[in-house]
Amino acid sequence: MSVKVEFICDQTRWGAAPEPVPAAKACPEWYKKLDKYTPYGEFVPGTFKACIPARDAMFAGYVIPLWTDLHVKINPASNDVQFLGSDPNNDVVGIHTVSQVRNTPMESKCPFHNNGNDHAFPWKLLSPWTIKTPPGYSCLFVQPMNHFDDTPWVFPSAVVDTDVFQGRINFPFIWNRMPYQGLISHGTPTVQVIPFKREDYKSVVRSATPEDELHQQRHLTKLYRTFVDKYQKMFWQKKKYL
């Protein structure tokens, strides 16, 4: 049975904003072009693309694309960053104040915090999307995993209980490219959204028993029974995000 995750758009942007997509459809171009195997062939360790756990992280959940072009420029009078959306009727970027991240590592990321500008950081994308999940399900919001792109922003990770909170979720970000002027096109990936079921967990820390070590050795023996796609063939479990 599939778990329904609803992305509900503001009426003013419905039909115009690029829709959230399964994360597998938003993987970067370099990953699409990457060869699975090294020049030495398939019987030696593969490239990053052959790593199924890394792929599972990249393909988990959904990615929300930027819903409008965003023009970034430096105000020559104040040396502040300015964000201008292509639609003058809709705000795209809002602000927090530096005082909200005072005494955290994020404070040092503010390019102007030493100049007394208390509104330079952090910023937040004002999303048109409300996310709705079934009872007992929350969503983890993270920077798109394993993209490794030279993106100008970094999104702090967060969890929202999207089964009980029904409102637009904004995405705070750290602007990490100064100085910068240019265009960030609509459709650019912003955050990765990973739904999960809330459950109670209890950790146990212990030494491996002889039975544990025997079990581990049997797994390794099974893993190395084949040259190609060992983990994928022997242990991987399929995940679906439609």
C-alpha atoms as a PDB file:
ATOM      1  CA  MET A   1       0.000   0.000   0.000  1.00  0.00           C
ATOM      2  CA  SER A   2       1.361   3.406  -0.961  1.00  0.00           C
ATOM      3  CA  VAL A   3       1.524   6.262   1.533  1.00  0.00           C
ATOM      4  CA  LYS A   4       0.003   9.394  -0.015  1.00  0.00           C
ATOM      5  CA  VAL A   5       2.056  12.580   0.175  1.00  0.00           C
ATOM      6  CA  GLU A   6       0.178  15.644  -1.052  1.00  0.00           C
ATOM      7  CA  PHE A   7       1.873  18.800  -2.328  1.00  0.00           C
ATOM      8  CA  ILE A   8      -0.767  21.539  -2.307  1.00  0.00           C
ATOM      9  CA  CYS A   9       0.028  24.709  -4.222  1.00  0.00           C
ATOM     10  CA  ASP A  10      -1.217  28.252  -3.686  1.00  0.00           C
ATOM     11  CA  GLN A  11      -3.958  29.039  -6.200  1.00  0.00           C
ATOM     12  CA  THR A  12      -2.012  32.046  -7.513  1.00  0.00           C
ATOM     13  CA  ARG A  13       0.918  29.857  -8.554  1.00  0.00           C
ATOM     14  CA  TRP A  14      -0.930  26.677  -9.488  1.00  0.00           C
ATOM     15  CA  GLY A  15      -0.141  25.708 -13.068  1.00  0.00           C
ATOM     16  CA  ALA A  16       2.854  28.029 -13.226  1.00  0.00           C
ATOM     17  CA  ALA A  17       5.162  26.766 -10.487  1.00  0.00           C
ATOM     18  CA  PRO A  18       7.235  23.691 -11.411  1.00  0.00           C
ATOM     19  CA  GLU A  19       5.794  20.760  -9.488  1.00  0.00           C
ATOM     20  CA  PRO A  20       7.670  18.726  -6.867  1.00  0.00           C
ATOM     21  CA  VAL A  21       9.082  15.570  -8.400  1.00  0.00           C
ATOM     22  CA  PRO A  22      10.452  12.248  -7.127  1.00  0.00           C
ATOM     23  CA  ALA A  23      14.063  12.887  -6.192  1.00  0.00           C
ATOM     24  CA  ALA A  24      15.214  10.361  -8.810  1.00  0.00           C
ATOM     25  CA  LYS A  25      13.987  12.763 -11.498  1.00  0.00           C
ATOM     26  CA  ALA A  26      15.988  15.661 -10.073  1.00  0.00           C
ATOM     27  CA  CYS A  27      19.429  14.081  -9.924  1.00  0.00           C
ATOM     28  CA  PRO A  28      22.212  16.319 -11.285  1.00  0.00           C
ATOM     29  CA  GLU A  29      23.471  16.105 -14.848  1.00  0.00           C
ATOM     30  CA  TRP A  30      26.925  14.926 -13.795  1.00  0.00           C
ATOM     31  CA  TYR A  31      25.332  11.889 -12.152  1.00  0.00           C
ATOM     32  CA  LYS A  32      23.297  11.057 -15.259  1.00  0.00           C
ATOM     33  CA  LYS A  33      26.443  11.188 -17.392  1.00  0.00           C
ATOM     34  CA  LEU A  34      28.640   9.252 -14.965  1.00  0.00           C
ATOM     35  CA  ASP A  35      29.797   5.797 -16.016  1.00  0.00           C
ATOM     36  CA  LYS A  36      28.950   3.017 -13.595  1.00  0.00           C
ATOM     37  CA  TYR A  37      32.314   1.316 -14.015  1.00  0.00           C
ATOM     38  CA  THR A  38      35.896   2.550 -14.128  1.00  0.00           C
ATOM     39  CA  PRO A  39      38.043   2.157 -17.277  1.00  0.00           C
ATOM     40  CA  TYR A  40      39.321  -1.084 -15.723  1.00  0.00           C
ATOM     41  CA  GLY A  41      35.988  -2.795 -16.282  1.00  0.00           C
ATOM     42  CA  GLU A  42      33.081  -4.144 -14.281  1.00  0.00           C
ATOM     43  CA  PHE A  43      35.110  -6.696 -12.318  1.00  0.00           C
ATOM     44  CA  VAL A  44      36.786  -4.042 -10.159  1.00  0.00           C
ATOM     45  CA  PRO A  45      35.086  -1.622  -7.732  1.00  0.00           C
ATOM     46  CA  GLY A  46      32.714   0.666  -9.600  1.00  0.00           C
ATOM     47  CA  THR A  47      32.370   4.426  -9.596  1.00  0.00           C
ATOM     48  CA  PHE A  48      30.185   6.535  -7.331  1.00  0.00           C
ATOM     49  CA  LYS A  49      27.247   5.659  -9.577  1.00  0.00           C
ATOM     50  CA  ALA A  50      27.665   1.984  -8.673  1.00  0.00           C
ATOM     51  CA  CYS A  51      27.160   2.749  -4.965  1.00  0.00           C
ATOM     52  CA  ILE A  52      23.544   1.768  -4.288  1.00  0.00           C
ATOM     53  CA  PRO A  53      23.383   3.209  -0.729  1.00  0.00           C
ATOM     54  CA  ALA A  54      24.493   6.596  -2.118  1.00  0.00           C
ATOM     55  CA  ARG A  55      21.904   6.321  -4.882  1.00  0.00           C
ATOM     56  CA  ASP A  56      19.172   5.447  -2.399  1.00  0.00           C
ATOM     57  CA  ALA A  57      19.961   8.632  -0.480  1.00  0.00           C
ATOM     58  CA  MET A  58      19.873  10.742  -3.641  1.00  0.00           C
ATOM     59  CA  PHE A  59      16.604   9.168  -4.797  1.00  0.00           C
ATOM     60  CA  ALA A  60      14.789   9.260  -1.439  1.00  0.00           C
ATOM     61  CA  GLY A  61      11.592  11.271  -1.303  1.00  0.00           C
ATOM     62  CA  TYR A  62      10.918  14.304  -3.441  1.00  0.00           C
ATOM     63  CA  VAL A  63      12.613  17.493  -4.573  1.00  0.00           C
ATOM     64  CA  ILE A  64      10.886  20.868  -4.673  1.00  0.00           C
ATOM     65  CA  PRO A  65      12.077  22.976  -7.623  1.00  0.00           C
ATOM     66  CA  LEU A  66      12.466  26.729  -7.368  1.00  0.00           C
ATOM     67  CA  TRP A  67       9.090  28.077  -8.461  1.00  0.00           C
ATOM     68  CA  THR A  68      10.272  31.295 -10.142  1.00  0.00           C
ATOM     69  CA  ASP A  69      13.402  32.836 -11.588  1.00  0.00           C
ATOM     70  CA  LEU A  70      15.419  34.560  -8.889  1.00  0.00           C
ATOM     71  CA  HIS A  71      17.719  37.453  -9.695  1.00  0.00           C
ATOM     72  CA  VAL A  72      20.529  37.929  -7.199  1.00  0.00           C
ATOM     73  CA  LYS A  73      22.473  41.163  -7.098  1.00  0.00           C
ATOM     74  CA  ILE A  74      24.604  43.248  -4.794  1.00  0.00           C
ATOM     75  CA  ASN A  75      23.256  46.623  -3.722  1.00  0.00           C
ATOM     76  CA  PRO A  76      26.214  48.945  -4.410  1.00  0.00           C
ATOM     77  CA  ALA A  77      25.070  51.435  -1.791  1.00  0.00           C
ATOM     78  CA  SER A  78      24.916  49.000   1.125  1.00  0.00           C
ATOM     79  CA  ASN A  79      26.839  46.008  -0.265  1.00  0.00           C
ATOM     80  CA  ASP A  80      23.871  43.857   0.744  1.00  0.00           C
ATOM     81  CA  VAL A  81      22.605  40.871  -1.229  1.00  0.00           C
ATOM     82  CA  GLN A  82      19.238  41.433  -2.863  1.00  0.00           C
ATOM     83  CA  PHE A  83      16.888  38.734  -4.157  1.00  0.00           C
ATOM     84  CA  LEU A  84      14.346  39.705  -6.783  1.00  0.00           C
ATOM     85  CA  GLY A  85      11.706  37.299  -8.025  1.00  0.00           C
ATOM     86  CA  SER A  86      10.492  37.479 -11.610  1.00  0.00           C
ATOM     87  CA  ASP A  87       6.878  37.916 -10.441  1.00  0.00           C
ATOM     88  CA  PRO A  88       6.487  41.363  -8.807  1.00  0.00           C
ATOM     89  CA  ASN A  89       3.196  40.249  -7.226  1.00  0.00           C
ATOM     90  CA  ASN A  90       4.738  37.458  -5.163  1.00  0.00           C
ATOM     91  CA  ASP A  91       7.558  37.604  -2.660  1.00  0.00           C
ATOM     92  CA  VAL A  92      10.115  34.841  -3.073  1.00  0.00           C
ATOM     93  CA  VAL A  93      12.678  35.472  -0.330  1.00  0.00           C
ATOM     94  CA  GLY A  94      12.049  36.598   3.233  1.00  0.00           C
ATOM     95  CA  ILE A  95      14.432  37.267   6.084  1.00  0.00           C
ATOM     96  CA  HIS A  96      15.205  36.270   9.611  1.00  0.00           C
ATOM     97  CA  THR A  97      17.581  38.276  11.766  1.00  0.00           C
ATOM     98  CA  VAL A  98      21.132  37.492  12.743  1.00  0.00           C
ATOM     99  CA  SER A  99      20.052  37.536  16.389  1.00  0.00           C
ATOM    100  CA  GLN A 100      18.093  34.346  15.733  1.00  0.00           C
ATOM    101  CA  VAL A 101      21.319  32.451  15.016  1.00  0.00           C
ATOM    102  CA  ARG A 102      23.568  34.355  17.388  1.00  0.00           C
ATOM    103  CA  ASN A 103      26.224  32.181  19.055  1.00  0.00           C
ATOM    104  CA  THR A 104      25.747  29.368  16.556  1.00  0.00           C
ATOM    105  CA  PRO A 105      28.147  28.322  13.775  1.00  0.00           C
ATOM    106  CA  MET A 106      25.641  29.795  11.329  1.00  0.00           C
ATOM    107  CA  GLU A 107      26.319  33.312  12.559  1.00  0.00           C
ATOM    108  CA  SER A 108      29.790  33.317  11.002  1.00  0.00           C
ATOM    109  CA  LYS A 109      28.241  32.494   7.628  1.00  0.00           C
ATOM    110  CA  CYS A 110      26.555  35.879   7.525  1.00  0.00           C
ATOM    111  CA  PRO A 111      28.753  38.058   5.300  1.00  0.00           C
ATOM    112  CA  PHE A 112      27.629  41.278   6.953  1.00  0.00           C
ATOM    113  CA  HIS A 113      27.115  40.363  10.583  1.00  0.00           C
ATOM    114  CA  ASN A 114      30.200  42.277  11.647  1.00  0.00           C
ATOM    115  CA  ASN A 115      28.927  45.424   9.939  1.00  0.00           C
ATOM    116  CA  GLY A 116      25.907  45.781  12.165  1.00  0.00           C
ATOM    117  CA  ASN A 117      23.420  44.695   9.515  1.00  0.00           C
ATOM    118  CA  ASP A 118      21.032  42.569  11.553  1.00  0.00           C
ATOM    119  CA  HIS A 119      18.880  41.644   8.565  1.00  0.00           C
ATOM    120  CA  ALA A 120      21.496  40.194   6.218  1.00  0.00           C
ATOM    121  CA  PHE A 121      21.128  36.584   7.337  1.00  0.00           C
ATOM    122  CA  PRO A 122      19.536  34.122   7.324  1.00  0.00           C
ATOM    123  CA  TRP A 123      17.129  34.271   4.433  1.00  0.00           C
ATOM    124  CA  LYS A 124      14.245  31.959   3.628  1.00  0.00           C
ATOM    125  CA  LEU A 125      12.466  30.907   0.475  1.00  0.00           C
ATOM    126  CA  LEU A 126       8.759  31.654   0.782  1.00  0.00           C
ATOM    127  CA  SER A 127       7.354  28.432  -0.590  1.00  0.00           C
ATOM    128  CA  PRO A 128       3.942  28.203  -2.278  1.00  0.00           C
ATOM    129  CA  TRP A 129       3.629  24.557  -1.162  1.00  0.00           C
ATOM    130  CA  THR A 130       1.730  22.985   1.716  1.00  0.00           C
ATOM    131  CA  ILE A 131       2.623  19.337   2.341  1.00  0.00           C
ATOM    132  CA  LYS A 132       0.102  16.875   3.757  1.00  0.00           C
ATOM    133  CA  THR A 133       0.900  13.366   4.980  1.00  0.00           C
ATOM    134  CA  PRO A 134      -1.272  10.693   6.631  1.00  0.00           C
ATOM    135  CA  PRO A 135      -1.561  10.535  10.431  1.00  0.00           C
ATOM    136  CA  GLY A 136       1.695   9.486  12.067  1.00  0.00           C
ATOM    137  CA  TYR A 137       3.928  10.676   9.208  1.00  0.00           C
ATOM    138  CA  SER A 138       6.378  13.582   9.235  1.00  0.00           C
ATOM    139  CA  CYS A 139       8.761  14.977   6.620  1.00  0.00           C
ATOM    140  CA  LEU A 140      12.500  15.488   6.806  1.00  0.00           C
ATOM    141  CA  PHE A 141      13.767  18.490   4.815  1.00  0.00           C
ATOM    142  CA  VAL A 142      17.419  18.397   3.748  1.00  0.00           C
ATOM    143  CA  GLN A 143      19.810  19.801   1.180  1.00  0.00           C
ATOM    144  CA  PRO A 144      19.491  17.497  -1.865  1.00  0.00           C
ATOM    145  CA  MET A 145      21.716  14.620  -0.828  1.00  0.00           C
ATOM    146  CA  ASN A 146      24.893  13.745  -2.707  1.00  0.00           C
ATOM    147  CA  HIS A 147      24.333  16.401  -5.357  1.00  0.00           C
ATOM    148  CA  PHE A 148      27.694  18.036  -4.555  1.00  0.00           C
ATOM    149  CA  ASP A 149      26.776  20.931  -6.816  1.00  0.00           C
ATOM    150  CA  ASP A 150      28.353  24.320  -6.364  1.00  0.00           C
ATOM    151  CA  THR A 151      25.063  25.748  -5.153  1.00  0.00           C
ATOM    152  CA  PRO A 152      25.049  29.246  -3.702  1.00  0.00           C
ATOM    153  CA  TRP A 153      22.762  28.296  -0.823  1.00  0.00           C
ATOM    154  CA  VAL A 154      22.681  25.721   1.948  1.00  0.00           C
ATOM    155  CA  PHE A 155      19.405  24.626   3.534  1.00  0.00           C
ATOM    156  CA  PRO A 156      19.561  23.643   7.211  1.00  0.00           C
ATOM    157  CA  SER A 157      17.876  20.306   7.891  1.00  0.00           C
ATOM    158  CA  ALA A 158      14.486  20.261   9.592  1.00  0.00           C
ATOM    159  CA  VAL A 159      11.587  17.961  10.435  1.00  0.00           C
ATOM    160  CA  VAL A 160       7.955  19.075  10.161  1.00  0.00           C
ATOM    161  CA  ASP A 161       5.004  17.030  11.385  1.00  0.00           C
ATOM    162  CA  THR A 162       3.097  17.440   8.149  1.00  0.00           C
ATOM    163  CA  ASP A 163       0.152  15.374   9.305  1.00  0.00           C
ATOM    164  CA  VAL A 164      -0.900  18.003  11.845  1.00  0.00           C
ATOM    165  CA  PHE A 165       0.655  21.217  10.501  1.00  0.00           C
ATOM    166  CA  GLN A 166      -1.218  22.367   7.421  1.00  0.00           C
ATOM    167  CA  GLY A 167       0.445  25.521   6.206  1.00  0.00           C
ATOM    168  CA  ARG A 168       3.057  26.619   3.720  1.00  0.00           C
ATOM    169  CA  ILE A 169       6.536  25.540   4.769  1.00  0.00           C
ATOM    170  CA  ASN A 170       9.297  28.049   4.130  1.00  0.00           C
ATOM    171  CA  PHE A 171      12.911  27.014   3.604  1.00  0.00           C
ATOM    172  CA  PRO A 172      15.565  28.972   5.518  1.00  0.00           C
ATOM    173  CA  PHE A 173      18.929  29.036   3.791  1.00  0.00           C
ATOM    174  CA  ILE A 174      22.490  30.143   4.254  1.00  0.00           C
ATOM    175  CA  TRP A 175      23.833  32.175   1.336  1.00  0.00           C
ATOM    176  CA  ASN A 176      27.371  30.907   0.860  1.00  0.00           C
ATOM    177  CA  ARG A 177      28.497  32.677  -2.274  1.00  0.00           C
ATOM    178  CA  MET A 178      29.729  36.228  -1.892  1.00  0.00           C
ATOM    179  CA  PRO A 179      29.981  38.272  -3.939  1.00  0.00           C
ATOM    180  CA  TYR A 180      27.513  36.894  -6.455  1.00  0.00           C
ATOM    181  CA  GLN A 181      25.283  38.405  -9.067  1.00  0.00           C
ATOM    182  CA  GLY A 182      23.268  36.376 -11.492  1.00  0.00           C
ATOM    183  CA  LEU A 183      20.130  34.411 -12.217  1.00  0.00           C
ATOM    184  CA  ILE A 184      18.951  31.255 -10.471  1.00  0.00           C
ATOM    185  CA  SER A 185      16.456  29.699 -12.873  1.00  0.00           C
ATOM    186  CA  HIS A 186      13.075  28.340 -11.929  1.00  0.00           C
ATOM    187  CA  GLY A 187      13.254  24.559 -11.715  1.00  0.00           C
ATOM    188  CA  THR A 188      16.541  24.639  -9.806  1.00  0.00           C
ATOM    189  CA  PRO A 189      16.338  22.061  -6.963  1.00  0.00           C
ATOM    190  CA  THR A 190      15.796  23.587  -3.543  1.00  0.00           C
ATOM    191  CA  VAL A 191      15.106  21.058  -0.770  1.00  0.00           C
ATOM    192  CA  GLN A 192      14.692  17.295  -0.671  1.00  0.00           C
ATOM    193  CA  VAL A 193      11.587  16.129   1.212  1.00  0.00           C
ATOM    194  CA  ILE A 194      11.679  12.662   2.761  1.00  0.00           C
ATOM    195  CA  PRO A 195       8.477  11.410   4.419  1.00  0.00           C
ATOM    196  CA  PHE A 196       8.821   8.963   7.283  1.00  0.00           C
ATOM    197  CA  LYS A 197       6.645   7.270   9.866  1.00  0.00           C
ATOM    198  CA  ARG A 198       7.091   8.439  13.435  1.00  0.00           C
ATOM    199  CA  GLU A 199       7.999   5.566  15.711  1.00  0.00           C
ATOM    200  CA  ASP A 200       9.709   5.111  19.067  1.00  0.00           C
ATOM    201  CA  TYR A 201      13.277   3.847  18.953  1.00  0.00           C
ATOM    202  CA  LYS A 202      15.491   2.416  21.653  1.00  0.00           C
ATOM    203  CA  SER A 203      19.220   1.994  21.112  1.00  0.00           C
ATOM    204  CA  VAL A 204      21.227  -0.922  22.495  1.00  0.00           C
ATOM    205  CA  VAL A 205      25.047  -0.810  22.572  1.00  0.00           C
ATOM    206  CA  ARG A 206      26.810  -4.142  23.056  1.00  0.00           C
ATOM    207  CA  SER A 207      29.747  -6.278  22.016  1.00  0.00           C
ATOM    208  CA  ALA A 208      29.351  -8.677  19.112  1.00  0.00           C
ATOM    209  CA  THR A 209      28.583 -12.244  20.110  1.00  0.00           C
ATOM    210  CA  PRO A 210      30.025 -15.290  18.295  1.00  0.00           C
ATOM    211  CA  GLU A 211      26.619 -15.642  16.656  1.00  0.00           C
ATOM    212  CA  ASP A 212      26.779 -12.026  15.444  1.00  0.00           C
ATOM    213  CA  GLU A 213      30.228 -12.532  13.959  1.00  0.00           C
ATOM    214  CA  LEU A 214      29.194 -15.762  12.256  1.00  0.00           C
ATOM    215  CA  HIS A 215      26.147 -14.024  10.818  1.00  0.00           C
ATOM    216  CA  GLN A 216      28.302 -11.140   9.560  1.00  0.00           C
ATOM    217  CA  GLN A 217      30.777 -13.513   7.955  1.00  0.00           C
ATOM    218  CA  ARG A 218      27.994 -15.356   6.187  1.00  0.00           C
ATOM    219  CA  HIS A 219      26.725 -12.054   4.814  1.00  0.00           C
ATOM    220  CA  LEU A 220      30.181 -11.173   3.530  1.00  0.00           C
ATOM    221  CA  THR A 221      30.553 -14.606   1.967  1.00  0.00           C
ATOM    222  CA  LYS A 222      27.239 -14.112   0.211  1.00  0.00           C
ATOM    223  CA  LEU A 223      28.225 -10.581  -0.799  1.00  0.00           C
ATOM    224  CA  TYR A 224      31.447 -11.706  -2.444  1.00  0.00           C
ATOM    225  CA  ARG A 225      29.822 -14.568  -4.309  1.00  0.00           C
ATOM    226  CA  THR A 226      29.611 -12.360  -7.394  1.00  0.00           C
ATOM    227  CA  PHE A 227      31.766  -9.706  -9.041  1.00  0.00           C
ATOM    228  CA  VAL A 228      29.108  -7.245 -10.163  1.00  0.00           C
ATOM    229  CA  ASP A 229      26.426  -5.325  -8.219  1.00  0.00           C
ATOM    230  CA  LYS A 230      26.974  -7.387  -5.073  1.00  0.00           C
ATOM    231  CA  TYR A 231      24.913  -5.380  -2.605  1.00  0.00           C
ATOM    232  CA  GLN A 232      22.149  -4.652  -5.106  1.00  0.00           C
ATOM    233  CA  LYS A 233      21.706  -8.324  -6.004  1.00  0.00           C
ATOM    234  CA  MET A 234      21.975  -9.784  -2.504  1.00  0.00           C
ATOM    235  CA  PHE A 235      20.556  -7.280  -0.027  1.00  0.00           C
ATOM    236  CA  TRP A 236      19.041  -4.166  -1.577  1.00  0.00           C
ATOM    237  CA  GLN A 237      15.334  -3.522  -0.995  1.00  0.00           C
ATOM    238  CA  LYS A 238      13.412  -1.496  -3.543  1.00  0.00           C
ATOM    239  CA  LYS A 239      11.947   1.859  -2.505  1.00  0.00           C
ATOM    240  CA  LYS A 240       9.279   3.704  -4.458  1.00  0.00           C
ATOM    241  CA  TYR A 241       8.515   7.417  -4.561  1.00  0.00           C
ATOM    242  CA  LEU A 242       5.899   8.139  -7.215  1.00  0.00           C
END
